[in-house]
Amino acid sequence: MEGEECTENSTSEMTVDEIVRIVRIAVELGISKVKLTGGEPLLRKDIIEIVKGISTINGVKDLSMTTNGTMLASLAEELYAKGLNRVNINLPTLDEEIYGKLTGNRLDDVLEGIKTAVSAGFHPVKLNMLILKNINEDAVSGMIDFARETGTILQLIELEPINVTGTYYSTYYKPLDEYEEHLRQKALKIKTREFMQNRHIYYLPNVTVEVVHPTENTDFCMHCTRLRVTSDGKLKPCLMRNDNLIDILTPLRNGAKDKELKNLFKEANKRRQPYHKKS
């Protein structure tokens, strides 16, 4: 189960207790892995309480987070102590000027966050590098070296045609095939992650690189078991769609019992397309 930024016209953010209760209901239905995403989850002033509450639910086997890392240095040790297991940190480049233009943030902040996360004990720490044509396409080699030096795993991510304009996509899309061929030649071992688009993991000397192609394909959908929850309390069966959401927060606030909330989860699962659609 994953977090998700607010849907359009959202007016209400979930409280810690509401988040924890929704996760508990999900766990009772068999979900064991939870990821906090966004938006930026570290912007929440109660993120430590959220992590603590989720991690203490019996049945949660893995609690992870995706973050831009700029606020991580001051929070990493406490997040780890409260039960966060893993972090994915978005890092498109090691060039300070380009990083600033892409994100509006300071590169030094995220680099310190990465260093602190590794020393705090998170394992693995993954670096998400979204490849953009004519922006950072030539920076992969340096990023591999950085991952090797910091003991992190590098994920090369291909731009997807979702949540961006057609012009943006055509301008910045860069296929990852040539990177995969280069990695294949240098890899000591290659593994395939089944049910994750059959993505490849390349084990190079003292560093691991994972290549992430777009997920909007039938193979990924066929094996997808993920369910997202928006920060305003909507169950979201598919990352690619916003027309099949189910409001769980309003019933919860109106006094719904656990059984009613579980039925909403089951209904959300039925709305999966195309492989989980009930005939």
Protein backbone atom coordinates (compact mmCIF):
# COMPACT_ATOMS: atom_id res chain seq x y z
CA MET A 1 0.00 0.00 0.00
CA GLU A 2 1.34 3.41 -0.92
CA GLY A 3 0.64 7.03 -0.08
CA GLU A 4 -0.29 9.47 -2.80
CA GLU A 5 -0.56 13.23 -3.07
CA CYS A 6 -3.96 14.87 -2.76
CA THR A 7 -6.55 14.48 -5.47
CA GLU A 8 -8.02 17.55 -7.12
CA ASN A 9 -10.21 19.80 -4.98
CA SER A 10 -9.11 18.04 -1.80
CA THR A 11 -9.89 20.01 1.35
CA SER A 12 -9.07 17.66 4.19
CA GLU A 13 -5.78 16.06 5.22
CA MET A 14 -5.83 12.85 7.21
CA THR A 15 -4.71 12.88 10.82
CA VAL A 16 -2.15 10.47 12.27
CA ASP A 17 -4.84 8.36 13.91
CA GLU A 18 -6.83 8.17 10.67
CA ILE A 19 -3.78 7.11 8.67
CA VAL A 20 -2.85 4.46 11.21
CA ARG A 21 -6.38 3.08 11.34
CA ILE A 22 -6.60 2.82 7.55
CA VAL A 23 -3.26 1.02 7.43
CA ARG A 24 -4.38 -1.33 10.21
CA ILE A 25 -7.52 -2.22 8.26
CA ALA A 26 -5.37 -2.88 5.18
CA VAL A 27 -3.01 -5.10 7.16
CA GLU A 28 -5.91 -7.11 8.53
CA LEU A 29 -6.88 -7.77 4.91
CA GLY A 30 -3.41 -9.16 4.13
CA ILE A 31 -1.31 -6.15 3.14
CA SER A 32 2.14 -6.28 4.75
CA LYS A 33 4.19 -3.63 2.94
CA VAL A 34 3.58 0.10 3.28
CA LYS A 35 5.29 2.96 1.44
CA LEU A 36 4.94 6.64 2.34
CA THR A 37 5.15 8.83 -0.75
CA GLY A 38 3.78 12.16 -1.92
CA GLY A 39 4.19 14.93 -2.77
CA GLU A 40 6.88 15.11 -0.13
CA PRO A 41 6.07 13.12 3.03
CA LEU A 42 8.70 14.87 5.14
CA LEU A 43 6.76 18.13 4.86
CA ARG A 44 4.29 16.74 7.37
CA LYS A 45 5.24 17.94 10.83
CA ASP A 46 3.81 14.72 12.29
CA ILE A 47 5.73 12.34 10.02
CA ILE A 48 7.57 10.79 12.99
CA GLU A 49 4.25 9.99 14.67
CA ILE A 50 2.91 8.53 11.42
CA VAL A 51 5.94 6.25 11.06
CA LYS A 52 5.76 5.19 14.69
CA GLY A 53 2.06 4.43 14.46
CA ILE A 54 2.34 2.35 11.30
CA SER A 55 5.47 0.47 12.35
CA THR A 56 3.82 -0.77 15.55
CA ILE A 57 0.91 -2.39 13.69
CA ASN A 58 1.24 -6.15 14.00
CA GLY A 59 1.69 -7.52 10.49
CA VAL A 60 3.57 -4.64 8.88
CA LYS A 61 6.70 -6.33 7.54
CA ASP A 62 8.18 -3.46 5.57
CA LEU A 63 7.76 0.31 5.92
CA SER A 64 9.51 2.50 3.36
CA MET A 65 9.45 6.06 2.07
CA THR A 66 10.12 7.97 -1.13
CA THR A 67 11.45 11.49 -0.48
CA ASN A 68 13.41 14.27 -2.16
CA GLY A 69 15.80 13.95 0.77
CA THR A 70 16.27 17.66 1.41
CA MET A 71 14.85 17.42 4.94
CA LEU A 72 16.14 13.93 5.66
CA ALA A 73 19.40 14.78 7.44
CA SER A 74 17.65 16.10 10.56
CA LEU A 75 15.04 13.31 10.62
CA ALA A 76 16.79 10.15 9.41
CA GLU A 77 17.96 8.80 12.77
CA GLU A 78 14.60 9.31 14.47
CA LEU A 79 12.68 7.89 11.50
CA TYR A 80 14.86 4.79 11.61
CA ALA A 81 14.46 4.50 15.37
CA LYS A 82 10.66 4.72 15.05
CA GLY A 83 10.50 1.88 12.52
CA LEU A 84 11.09 3.16 8.98
CA ASN A 85 13.05 0.45 7.15
CA ARG A 86 14.03 1.82 3.75
CA VAL A 87 14.20 5.09 1.82
CA ASN A 88 14.16 5.99 -1.87
CA ILE A 89 15.68 9.41 -2.49
CA ASN A 90 15.05 11.37 -5.68
CA LEU A 91 18.36 12.59 -7.08
CA PRO A 92 18.36 13.52 -10.79
CA THR A 93 21.89 14.93 -10.91
CA LEU A 94 25.01 15.77 -8.94
CA ASP A 95 25.33 19.11 -10.75
CA GLU A 96 24.35 21.82 -8.27
CA GLU A 97 23.08 24.27 -10.88
CA ILE A 98 21.00 21.71 -12.78
CA TYR A 99 19.64 20.26 -9.55
CA GLY A 100 18.52 23.70 -8.43
CA LYS A 101 16.78 24.41 -11.72
CA LEU A 102 15.00 21.05 -11.72
CA THR A 103 13.88 21.02 -8.10
CA GLY A 104 14.23 24.48 -6.60
CA ASN A 105 16.19 22.90 -3.74
CA ARG A 106 19.81 22.83 -2.59
CA LEU A 107 21.91 19.86 -3.68
CA ASP A 108 23.97 19.93 -0.49
CA ASP A 109 20.83 19.28 1.57
CA VAL A 110 19.93 16.07 -0.26
CA LEU A 111 23.55 14.87 -0.28
CA GLU A 112 23.68 15.31 3.48
CA GLY A 113 20.36 13.50 3.73
CA ILE A 114 21.74 10.54 1.79
CA LYS A 115 24.85 10.38 3.95
CA THR A 116 22.79 10.53 7.15
CA ALA A 117 20.31 7.90 5.93
CA VAL A 118 23.12 5.44 5.21
CA SER A 119 24.81 6.04 8.54
CA ALA A 120 21.48 5.78 10.38
CA GLY A 121 21.12 2.20 9.20
CA PHE A 122 18.54 2.31 6.40
CA HIS A 123 19.00 -0.58 4.02
CA PRO A 124 18.80 -0.28 1.19
CA VAL A 125 19.02 3.41 0.42
CA LYS A 126 18.01 3.79 -3.22
CA LEU A 127 18.69 6.81 -5.42
CA ASN A 128 15.97 7.54 -7.98
CA MET A 129 17.49 9.13 -11.08
CA LEU A 130 14.87 10.17 -13.61
CA ILE A 131 16.62 10.44 -16.97
CA LEU A 132 15.78 13.57 -18.99
CA LYS A 133 17.11 14.10 -22.50
CA ASN A 134 19.63 16.94 -22.80
CA ILE A 135 19.43 17.53 -19.04
CA ASN A 136 21.13 14.70 -17.18
CA GLU A 137 21.50 11.92 -19.75
CA ASP A 138 25.30 12.19 -19.63
CA ALA A 139 25.48 12.07 -15.82
CA VAL A 140 24.77 8.36 -15.33
CA SER A 141 28.40 7.30 -15.06
CA GLY A 142 29.08 9.84 -12.33
CA MET A 143 25.94 8.79 -10.50
CA ILE A 144 27.03 5.15 -10.59
CA ASP A 145 30.33 6.18 -9.02
CA PHE A 146 28.46 8.17 -6.38
CA ALA A 147 26.25 5.19 -5.54
CA ARG A 148 29.36 3.03 -5.21
CA GLU A 149 31.02 5.56 -2.90
CA THR A 150 27.97 5.99 -0.67
CA GLY A 151 26.88 2.34 -0.51
CA THR A 152 23.52 3.10 -2.13
CA ILE A 153 21.60 1.49 -4.99
CA LEU A 154 21.02 3.53 -8.15
CA GLN A 155 17.68 3.32 -9.95
CA LEU A 156 17.63 4.70 -13.50
CA ILE A 157 14.05 5.70 -14.25
CA GLU A 158 12.56 6.25 -17.69
CA LEU A 159 10.20 9.21 -18.10
CA GLU A 160 6.55 8.15 -18.27
CA PRO A 161 3.87 9.92 -20.33
CA ILE A 162 1.69 10.51 -17.26
CA ASN A 163 1.19 13.72 -15.30
CA VAL A 164 3.20 15.60 -17.94
CA THR A 165 2.20 17.36 -21.13
CA GLY A 166 2.82 15.81 -24.52
CA THR A 167 5.31 18.57 -25.29
CA TYR A 168 7.26 17.92 -22.10
CA TYR A 169 7.35 14.20 -22.79
CA SER A 170 8.52 14.54 -26.38
CA THR A 171 11.15 17.08 -25.36
CA TYR A 172 12.69 15.18 -22.46
CA TYR A 173 11.96 11.50 -23.08
CA LYS A 174 15.11 9.40 -23.31
CA PRO A 175 14.87 5.59 -23.71
CA LEU A 176 17.08 3.59 -21.37
CA ASP A 177 18.07 0.84 -23.82
CA GLU A 178 21.59 2.12 -24.38
CA TYR A 179 22.21 2.34 -20.64
CA GLU A 180 21.02 -1.23 -20.20
CA GLU A 181 23.39 -2.44 -22.91
CA HIS A 182 26.29 -0.65 -21.23
CA LEU A 183 25.36 -2.12 -17.85
CA ARG A 184 24.96 -5.59 -19.37
CA GLN A 185 28.51 -5.48 -20.63
CA LYS A 186 29.94 -4.55 -17.23
CA ALA A 187 27.68 -6.55 -14.92
CA LEU A 188 29.04 -9.42 -12.87
CA LYS A 189 25.49 -10.71 -12.44
CA ILE A 190 22.04 -9.75 -13.72
CA LYS A 191 18.73 -10.48 -12.02
CA THR A 192 15.17 -9.97 -13.20
CA ARG A 193 12.45 -8.75 -10.86
CA GLU A 194 9.40 -10.72 -11.83
CA PHE A 195 6.04 -8.96 -11.47
CA MET A 196 7.88 -5.62 -11.55
CA GLN A 197 7.85 -5.17 -15.35
CA ASN A 198 10.61 -7.80 -15.41
CA ARG A 199 13.00 -4.97 -14.66
CA HIS A 200 16.68 -5.82 -14.58
CA ILE A 201 19.08 -5.42 -11.67
CA TYR A 202 22.72 -5.12 -12.69
CA TYR A 203 25.37 -6.07 -10.16
CA LEU A 204 28.52 -4.17 -11.10
CA PRO A 205 31.73 -4.24 -9.06
CA ASN A 206 30.77 -2.82 -5.65
CA VAL A 207 27.56 -1.19 -6.87
CA THR A 208 24.05 -2.20 -7.95
CA VAL A 209 22.01 -0.46 -10.65
CA GLU A 210 18.32 -1.09 -11.32
CA VAL A 211 16.60 0.05 -14.51
CA VAL A 212 12.96 1.12 -14.29
CA HIS A 213 10.96 1.30 -17.51
CA PRO A 214 7.44 2.80 -17.64
CA THR A 215 4.82 0.87 -15.70
CA GLU A 216 1.78 1.59 -17.86
CA ASN A 217 1.78 -1.76 -19.61
CA THR A 218 -0.31 -4.91 -19.46
CA ASP A 219 2.43 -7.04 -17.93
CA PHE A 220 2.79 -4.72 -14.94
CA CYS A 221 -0.97 -4.28 -14.54
CA MET A 222 -1.57 -8.01 -14.71
CA HIS A 223 0.61 -8.62 -11.66
CA CYS A 224 -0.05 -5.39 -9.75
CA THR A 225 -1.24 -5.88 -6.16
CA ARG A 226 -0.67 -2.31 -5.02
CA LEU A 227 -3.32 -0.05 -3.58
CA ARG A 228 -2.70 3.64 -3.00
CA VAL A 229 -4.29 5.99 -0.50
CA THR A 230 -4.35 9.70 -1.31
CA SER A 231 -3.53 12.09 1.51
CA ASP A 232 -7.18 13.21 1.56
CA GLY A 233 -8.39 9.67 2.16
CA LYS A 234 -9.29 8.16 -1.21
CA LEU A 235 -8.48 4.55 -2.06
CA LYS A 236 -6.79 4.57 -5.47
CA PRO A 237 -6.57 1.19 -7.23
CA CYS A 238 -4.43 2.42 -10.13
CA LEU A 239 -1.62 4.96 -10.38
CA MET A 240 -2.70 5.84 -13.92
CA ARG A 241 -6.33 6.68 -13.16
CA ASN A 242 -8.37 9.05 -11.02
CA ASP A 243 -11.85 8.02 -12.15
CA ASN A 244 -12.30 4.98 -9.90
CA LEU A 245 -11.38 6.32 -6.46
CA ILE A 246 -13.24 5.35 -3.30
CA ASP A 247 -13.65 7.74 -0.38
CA ILE A 248 -12.73 5.94 2.83
CA LEU A 249 -12.08 9.02 4.98
CA THR A 250 -15.65 10.34 5.04
CA PRO A 251 -17.15 7.04 6.23
CA LEU A 252 -14.36 6.73 8.81
CA ARG A 253 -15.11 10.21 10.16
CA ASN A 254 -18.82 9.40 10.18
CA GLY A 255 -18.25 6.49 12.55
CA ALA A 256 -17.93 3.53 10.17
CA LYS A 257 -17.03 0.23 11.81
CA ASP A 258 -13.98 -1.75 10.73
CA LYS A 259 -16.14 -4.16 8.72
CA GLU A 260 -17.54 -1.28 6.64
CA LEU A 261 -14.05 0.04 5.97
CA LYS A 262 -12.85 -3.41 4.95
CA ASN A 263 -15.70 -3.59 2.45
CA LEU A 264 -14.48 -0.33 0.91
CA PHE A 265 -11.03 -1.87 0.42
CA LYS A 266 -12.63 -4.88 -1.23
CA GLU A 267 -14.65 -2.64 -3.53
CA ALA A 268 -11.50 -0.73 -4.48
CA ASN A 269 -9.82 -3.99 -5.41
CA LYS A 270 -12.78 -4.91 -7.62
CA ARG A 271 -12.31 -1.66 -9.51
CA ARG A 272 -8.86 -2.62 -10.72
CA GLN A 273 -8.60 -2.50 -14.51
CA PRO A 274 -8.40 -4.57 -16.55
CA TYR A 275 -7.37 -7.75 -14.75
CA HIS A 276 -9.34 -7.46 -11.54
CA LYS A 277 -12.62 -6.33 -13.01
CA LYS A 278 -15.58 -8.40 -11.95
CA SER A 279 -17.65 -9.73 -14.82
